[in-house]
Amino acid sequence: MKSRILIAAALAVLVIPAASLASAPTGQDRANGARSCRALKALLGETLFGQTYGTVATNRRNAFGRCVSQWAHTEQQSRISARSACNTERSDANFAATHGGKSFAEFYGTGPKHANAFGRCVSSKAKAAVAEARQNTLNAARTCKAERALDAAAFRAKYGKNENDRNAFGKCVSKLSKAPTA
């Protein structure tokens, strides 16, 4: 009886860390997130990027790290969604009818054996989702910048959520970039 309890406890100790690791972004997700942040920083400029992601009131120096953290999770979620979509496509009996008569392997695969079709499917869908999210963030930042230029006090009152409303720009970008597009 004691041995069964010990075995069950040992298995529980192993399962809990494994489950928590499954939800953490991978090193590749962080690398892709850093790539997205460098691109956004180049497009937005240092000041706007700092206002979007930074929280340190005096200098916004933590902006890049916070950006990478956020985009690593975006990369991970895009990859998970892409895997699900590709699994659905791969098991779709009517795939060829909607893809020019090509099978899943022919459509996504490479070479004479149509190698790595699933991986290429996931990669293309994840890249497309991240590119869309990056463009949404860029558009939101530009919209927020224009709105703030019209009336800075009203902008801070509308979006600011801390004691001096210094986070208003980031909150605005976050809200508008997640808004559904028509």
C-alpha atoms as a PDB file:
ATOM      1  CA  MET A   1       0.000   0.000   0.000  1.00  0.00           C
ATOM      2  CA  LYS A   2       2.819   2.373   0.936  1.00  0.00           C
ATOM      3  CA  SER A   3       4.616   1.676  -2.325  1.00  0.00           C
ATOM      4  CA  ARG A   4       1.512   2.578  -4.350  1.00  0.00           C
ATOM      5  CA  ILE A   5       1.204   5.888  -2.509  1.00  0.00           C
ATOM      6  CA  LEU A   6       4.878   6.638  -3.065  1.00  0.00           C
ATOM      7  CA  ILE A   7       4.626   5.817  -6.775  1.00  0.00           C
ATOM      8  CA  ALA A   8       1.521   7.985  -7.127  1.00  0.00           C
ATOM      9  CA  ALA A   9       3.254  10.867  -5.321  1.00  0.00           C
ATOM     10  CA  ALA A  10       6.356  10.503  -7.498  1.00  0.00           C
ATOM     11  CA  LEU A  11       4.250  10.576 -10.662  1.00  0.00           C
ATOM     12  CA  ALA A  12       2.394  13.669  -9.440  1.00  0.00           C
ATOM     13  CA  VAL A  13       5.704  15.426  -8.796  1.00  0.00           C
ATOM     14  CA  LEU A  14       6.772  14.684 -12.383  1.00  0.00           C
ATOM     15  CA  VAL A  15       3.473  15.599 -14.034  1.00  0.00           C
ATOM     16  CA  ILE A  16       3.060  19.050 -12.474  1.00  0.00           C
ATOM     17  CA  PRO A  17       6.354  20.508 -13.812  1.00  0.00           C
ATOM     18  CA  ALA A  18       5.740  18.942 -17.224  1.00  0.00           C
ATOM     19  CA  ALA A  19       2.319  20.569 -17.443  1.00  0.00           C
ATOM     20  CA  SER A  20       3.702  23.973 -16.494  1.00  0.00           C
ATOM     21  CA  LEU A  21       6.466  23.694 -19.109  1.00  0.00           C
ATOM     22  CA  ALA A  22       3.940  22.981 -21.843  1.00  0.00           C
ATOM     23  CA  SER A  23       2.412  26.436 -21.452  1.00  0.00           C
ATOM     24  CA  ALA A  24       5.696  28.394 -21.462  1.00  0.00           C
ATOM     25  CA  PRO A  25       6.950  30.005 -24.680  1.00  0.00           C
ATOM     26  CA  THR A  26       9.896  28.222 -26.257  1.00  0.00           C
ATOM     27  CA  GLY A  27      13.285  29.736 -27.013  1.00  0.00           C
ATOM     28  CA  GLN A  28      12.210  30.060 -30.625  1.00  0.00           C
ATOM     29  CA  ASP A  29       9.080  31.944 -29.533  1.00  0.00           C
ATOM     30  CA  ARG A  30      11.268  34.392 -27.596  1.00  0.00           C
ATOM     31  CA  ALA A  31      13.653  34.781 -30.539  1.00  0.00           C
ATOM     32  CA  ASN A  32      10.735  35.457 -32.881  1.00  0.00           C
ATOM     33  CA  GLY A  33       9.258  37.847 -30.304  1.00  0.00           C
ATOM     34  CA  ALA A  34      12.535  39.761 -30.147  1.00  0.00           C
ATOM     35  CA  ARG A  35      12.548  39.934 -33.950  1.00  0.00           C
ATOM     36  CA  SER A  36       9.014  41.360 -33.909  1.00  0.00           C
ATOM     37  CA  CYS A  37       9.999  43.909 -31.255  1.00  0.00           C
ATOM     38  CA  ARG A  38      13.035  45.067 -33.237  1.00  0.00           C
ATOM     39  CA  ALA A  39      10.810  45.540 -36.277  1.00  0.00           C
ATOM     40  CA  LEU A  40       8.198  47.452 -34.276  1.00  0.00           C
ATOM     41  CA  LYS A  41      10.868  49.614 -32.644  1.00  0.00           C
ATOM     42  CA  ALA A  42      12.266  50.498 -36.067  1.00  0.00           C
ATOM     43  CA  LEU A  43       8.817  51.331 -37.436  1.00  0.00           C
ATOM     44  CA  LEU A  44       7.495  53.213 -34.395  1.00  0.00           C
ATOM     45  CA  GLY A  45      10.679  54.963 -33.363  1.00  0.00           C
ATOM     46  CA  GLU A  46      12.336  54.963 -29.935  1.00  0.00           C
ATOM     47  CA  THR A  47       9.888  57.337 -28.230  1.00  0.00           C
ATOM     48  CA  LEU A  48       6.652  55.762 -29.439  1.00  0.00           C
ATOM     49  CA  PHE A  49       8.007  52.264 -28.791  1.00  0.00           C
ATOM     50  CA  GLY A  50       8.904  53.251 -25.207  1.00  0.00           C
ATOM     51  CA  GLN A  51       5.483  54.755 -24.653  1.00  0.00           C
ATOM     52  CA  THR A  52       3.806  51.649 -26.027  1.00  0.00           C
ATOM     53  CA  TYR A  53       5.664  49.020 -24.015  1.00  0.00           C
ATOM     54  CA  GLY A  54       7.637  50.735 -21.243  1.00  0.00           C
ATOM     55  CA  THR A  55       6.383  51.233 -17.723  1.00  0.00           C
ATOM     56  CA  VAL A  56       9.319  52.845 -15.935  1.00  0.00           C
ATOM     57  CA  ALA A  57       8.022  56.406 -15.687  1.00  0.00           C
ATOM     58  CA  THR A  58      11.344  58.205 -16.020  1.00  0.00           C
ATOM     59  CA  ASN A  59      12.964  56.518 -18.994  1.00  0.00           C
ATOM     60  CA  ARG A  60      10.862  53.583 -20.292  1.00  0.00           C
ATOM     61  CA  ARG A  61      14.013  51.429 -20.473  1.00  0.00           C
ATOM     62  CA  ASN A  62      12.113  48.238 -19.780  1.00  0.00           C
ATOM     63  CA  ALA A  63      10.147  48.587 -23.029  1.00  0.00           C
ATOM     64  CA  PHE A  64      12.108  46.060 -25.065  1.00  0.00           C
ATOM     65  CA  GLY A  65      11.952  43.331 -22.419  1.00  0.00           C
ATOM     66  CA  ARG A  66       8.241  43.834 -21.883  1.00  0.00           C
ATOM     67  CA  CYS A  67       7.694  43.817 -25.633  1.00  0.00           C
ATOM     68  CA  VAL A  68       9.619  40.557 -26.057  1.00  0.00           C
ATOM     69  CA  SER A  69       7.648  38.950 -23.256  1.00  0.00           C
ATOM     70  CA  GLN A  70       4.338  39.949 -24.822  1.00  0.00           C
ATOM     71  CA  TRP A  71       5.323  38.937 -28.350  1.00  0.00           C
ATOM     72  CA  ALA A  72       6.791  35.605 -27.209  1.00  0.00           C
ATOM     73  CA  HIS A  73       3.326  34.723 -25.926  1.00  0.00           C
ATOM     74  CA  THR A  74       1.801  35.987 -29.178  1.00  0.00           C
ATOM     75  CA  GLU A  75       4.213  33.787 -31.133  1.00  0.00           C
ATOM     76  CA  GLN A  76       3.333  30.795 -28.964  1.00  0.00           C
ATOM     77  CA  GLN A  77      -0.406  31.319 -29.343  1.00  0.00           C
ATOM     78  CA  SER A  78      -0.042  31.768 -33.105  1.00  0.00           C
ATOM     79  CA  ARG A  79       1.915  28.525 -33.350  1.00  0.00           C
ATOM     80  CA  ILE A  80      -0.674  26.633 -31.271  1.00  0.00           C
ATOM     81  CA  SER A  81      -3.546  28.016 -33.357  1.00  0.00           C
ATOM     82  CA  ALA A  82      -1.687  27.219 -36.577  1.00  0.00           C
ATOM     83  CA  ARG A  83      -1.099  23.611 -35.476  1.00  0.00           C
ATOM     84  CA  SER A  84      -4.798  23.231 -34.754  1.00  0.00           C
ATOM     85  CA  ALA A  85      -5.796  24.741 -38.111  1.00  0.00           C
ATOM     86  CA  CYS A  86      -3.319  22.532 -39.981  1.00  0.00           C
ATOM     87  CA  ASN A  87      -4.571  19.416 -38.174  1.00  0.00           C
ATOM     88  CA  THR A  88      -8.091  20.334 -39.264  1.00  0.00           C
ATOM     89  CA  GLU A  89      -6.992  20.914 -42.858  1.00  0.00           C
ATOM     90  CA  ARG A  90      -4.979  17.694 -42.973  1.00  0.00           C
ATOM     91  CA  SER A  91      -7.984  15.662 -41.841  1.00  0.00           C
ATOM     92  CA  ASP A  92     -10.447  17.455 -44.142  1.00  0.00           C
ATOM     93  CA  ALA A  93     -11.777  15.004 -46.727  1.00  0.00           C
ATOM     94  CA  ASN A  94     -12.624  17.909 -49.077  1.00  0.00           C
ATOM     95  CA  PHE A  95      -9.190  19.552 -48.915  1.00  0.00           C
ATOM     96  CA  ALA A  96      -8.342  18.820 -52.549  1.00  0.00           C
ATOM     97  CA  ALA A  97     -11.645  20.265 -53.769  1.00  0.00           C
ATOM     98  CA  THR A  98     -10.862  23.642 -52.200  1.00  0.00           C
ATOM     99  CA  HIS A  99      -7.141  23.695 -53.038  1.00  0.00           C
ATOM    100  CA  GLY A 100      -6.941  23.199 -56.790  1.00  0.00           C
ATOM    101  CA  GLY A 101      -7.161  19.412 -56.676  1.00  0.00           C
ATOM    102  CA  LYS A 102      -4.003  19.091 -54.567  1.00  0.00           C
ATOM    103  CA  SER A 103      -3.773  16.947 -51.471  1.00  0.00           C
ATOM    104  CA  PHE A 104      -2.562  18.447 -48.199  1.00  0.00           C
ATOM    105  CA  ALA A 105       0.956  17.065 -48.805  1.00  0.00           C
ATOM    106  CA  GLU A 106       1.026  18.333 -52.398  1.00  0.00           C
ATOM    107  CA  PHE A 107      -0.226  21.761 -51.403  1.00  0.00           C
ATOM    108  CA  TYR A 108       2.162  22.407 -48.503  1.00  0.00           C
ATOM    109  CA  GLY A 109       4.974  19.905 -49.034  1.00  0.00           C
ATOM    110  CA  THR A 110       8.229  20.321 -50.931  1.00  0.00           C
ATOM    111  CA  GLY A 111      10.160  18.088 -53.285  1.00  0.00           C
ATOM    112  CA  PRO A 112       9.029  14.945 -55.075  1.00  0.00           C
ATOM    113  CA  LYS A 113       7.901  13.310 -51.816  1.00  0.00           C
ATOM    114  CA  HIS A 114       6.081  16.441 -50.601  1.00  0.00           C
ATOM    115  CA  ALA A 115       8.182  16.463 -47.440  1.00  0.00           C
ATOM    116  CA  ASN A 116       7.389  18.471 -44.324  1.00  0.00           C
ATOM    117  CA  ALA A 117       3.900  19.485 -45.391  1.00  0.00           C
ATOM    118  CA  PHE A 118       2.617  19.811 -41.830  1.00  0.00           C
ATOM    119  CA  GLY A 119       5.586  21.898 -40.682  1.00  0.00           C
ATOM    120  CA  ARG A 120       5.299  24.221 -43.653  1.00  0.00           C
ATOM    121  CA  CYS A 121       1.573  24.595 -43.054  1.00  0.00           C
ATOM    122  CA  VAL A 122       2.115  25.518 -39.404  1.00  0.00           C
ATOM    123  CA  SER A 123       4.947  27.889 -40.246  1.00  0.00           C
ATOM    124  CA  SER A 124       3.014  29.748 -42.941  1.00  0.00           C
ATOM    125  CA  LYS A 125      -0.109  30.140 -40.814  1.00  0.00           C
ATOM    126  CA  ALA A 126       1.820  31.231 -37.707  1.00  0.00           C
ATOM    127  CA  LYS A 127       3.861  33.774 -39.684  1.00  0.00           C
ATOM    128  CA  ALA A 128       0.706  35.202 -41.235  1.00  0.00           C
ATOM    129  CA  ALA A 129      -0.981  35.548 -37.829  1.00  0.00           C
ATOM    130  CA  VAL A 130       2.049  37.281 -36.282  1.00  0.00           C
ATOM    131  CA  ALA A 131       2.400  39.616 -39.270  1.00  0.00           C
ATOM    132  CA  GLU A 132      -1.259  40.588 -38.884  1.00  0.00           C
ATOM    133  CA  ALA A 133      -0.828  41.185 -35.145  1.00  0.00           C
ATOM    134  CA  ARG A 134       2.283  43.299 -35.789  1.00  0.00           C
ATOM    135  CA  GLN A 135       0.429  45.387 -38.377  1.00  0.00           C
ATOM    136  CA  ASN A 136      -2.523  45.801 -35.995  1.00  0.00           C
ATOM    137  CA  THR A 137      -0.147  47.048 -33.286  1.00  0.00           C
ATOM    138  CA  LEU A 138       1.536  49.468 -35.671  1.00  0.00           C
ATOM    139  CA  ASN A 139      -1.820  50.825 -36.888  1.00  0.00           C
ATOM    140  CA  ALA A 140      -3.056  51.155 -33.303  1.00  0.00           C
ATOM    141  CA  ALA A 141       0.073  53.088 -32.279  1.00  0.00           C
ATOM    142  CA  ARG A 142      -0.372  55.497 -35.167  1.00  0.00           C
ATOM    143  CA  THR A 143      -4.064  55.975 -34.315  1.00  0.00           C
ATOM    144  CA  CYS A 144      -3.261  56.558 -30.640  1.00  0.00           C
ATOM    145  CA  LYS A 145      -0.548  59.054 -31.521  1.00  0.00           C
ATOM    146  CA  ALA A 146      -3.005  61.030 -33.651  1.00  0.00           C
ATOM    147  CA  GLU A 147      -5.712  60.880 -30.968  1.00  0.00           C
ATOM    148  CA  ARG A 148      -3.259  62.035 -28.287  1.00  0.00           C
ATOM    149  CA  ALA A 149      -2.146  64.935 -30.479  1.00  0.00           C
ATOM    150  CA  LEU A 150      -5.727  66.244 -30.643  1.00  0.00           C
ATOM    151  CA  ASP A 151      -6.192  66.520 -26.859  1.00  0.00           C
ATOM    152  CA  ALA A 152      -3.539  65.088 -24.549  1.00  0.00           C
ATOM    153  CA  ALA A 153      -5.533  65.616 -21.338  1.00  0.00           C
ATOM    154  CA  ALA A 154      -8.647  63.910 -22.682  1.00  0.00           C
ATOM    155  CA  PHE A 155      -6.480  61.095 -24.054  1.00  0.00           C
ATOM    156  CA  ARG A 156      -4.879  60.478 -20.635  1.00  0.00           C
ATOM    157  CA  ALA A 157      -8.283  60.603 -18.945  1.00  0.00           C
ATOM    158  CA  LYS A 158      -9.740  58.120 -21.435  1.00  0.00           C
ATOM    159  CA  TYR A 159      -6.934  55.539 -21.440  1.00  0.00           C
ATOM    160  CA  GLY A 160      -4.815  56.151 -18.330  1.00  0.00           C
ATOM    161  CA  LYS A 161      -5.293  53.686 -15.518  1.00  0.00           C
ATOM    162  CA  ASN A 162      -2.629  54.561 -12.940  1.00  0.00           C
ATOM    163  CA  GLU A 163      -2.118  57.473 -10.534  1.00  0.00           C
ATOM    164  CA  ASN A 164      -0.693  59.910 -13.100  1.00  0.00           C
ATOM    165  CA  ASP A 165      -2.075  58.319 -16.291  1.00  0.00           C
ATOM    166  CA  ARG A 166       1.453  57.771 -17.664  1.00  0.00           C
ATOM    167  CA  ASN A 167       0.413  54.422 -19.105  1.00  0.00           C
ATOM    168  CA  ALA A 168      -2.328  55.866 -21.312  1.00  0.00           C
ATOM    169  CA  PHE A 169      -0.496  55.388 -24.595  1.00  0.00           C
ATOM    170  CA  GLY A 170       0.277  51.728 -23.970  1.00  0.00           C
ATOM    171  CA  LYS A 171      -3.290  51.066 -22.827  1.00  0.00           C
ATOM    172  CA  CYS A 172      -4.617  52.756 -25.957  1.00  0.00           C
ATOM    173  CA  VAL A 173      -2.396  50.678 -28.243  1.00  0.00           C
ATOM    174  CA  SER A 174      -3.306  47.494 -26.408  1.00  0.00           C
ATOM    175  CA  LYS A 175      -7.013  48.210 -26.637  1.00  0.00           C
ATOM    176  CA  LEU A 176      -7.024  49.221 -30.301  1.00  0.00           C
ATOM    177  CA  SER A 177      -4.695  46.476 -31.521  1.00  0.00           C
ATOM    178  CA  LYS A 178      -6.973  43.814 -30.063  1.00  0.00           C
ATOM    179  CA  ALA A 179     -10.165  45.366 -31.392  1.00  0.00           C
ATOM    180  CA  PRO A 180     -11.825  43.282 -34.115  1.00  0.00           C
ATOM    181  CA  THR A 181     -11.313  44.662 -37.597  1.00  0.00           C
ATOM    182  CA  ALA A 182     -14.180  45.056 -40.015  1.00  0.00           C
END
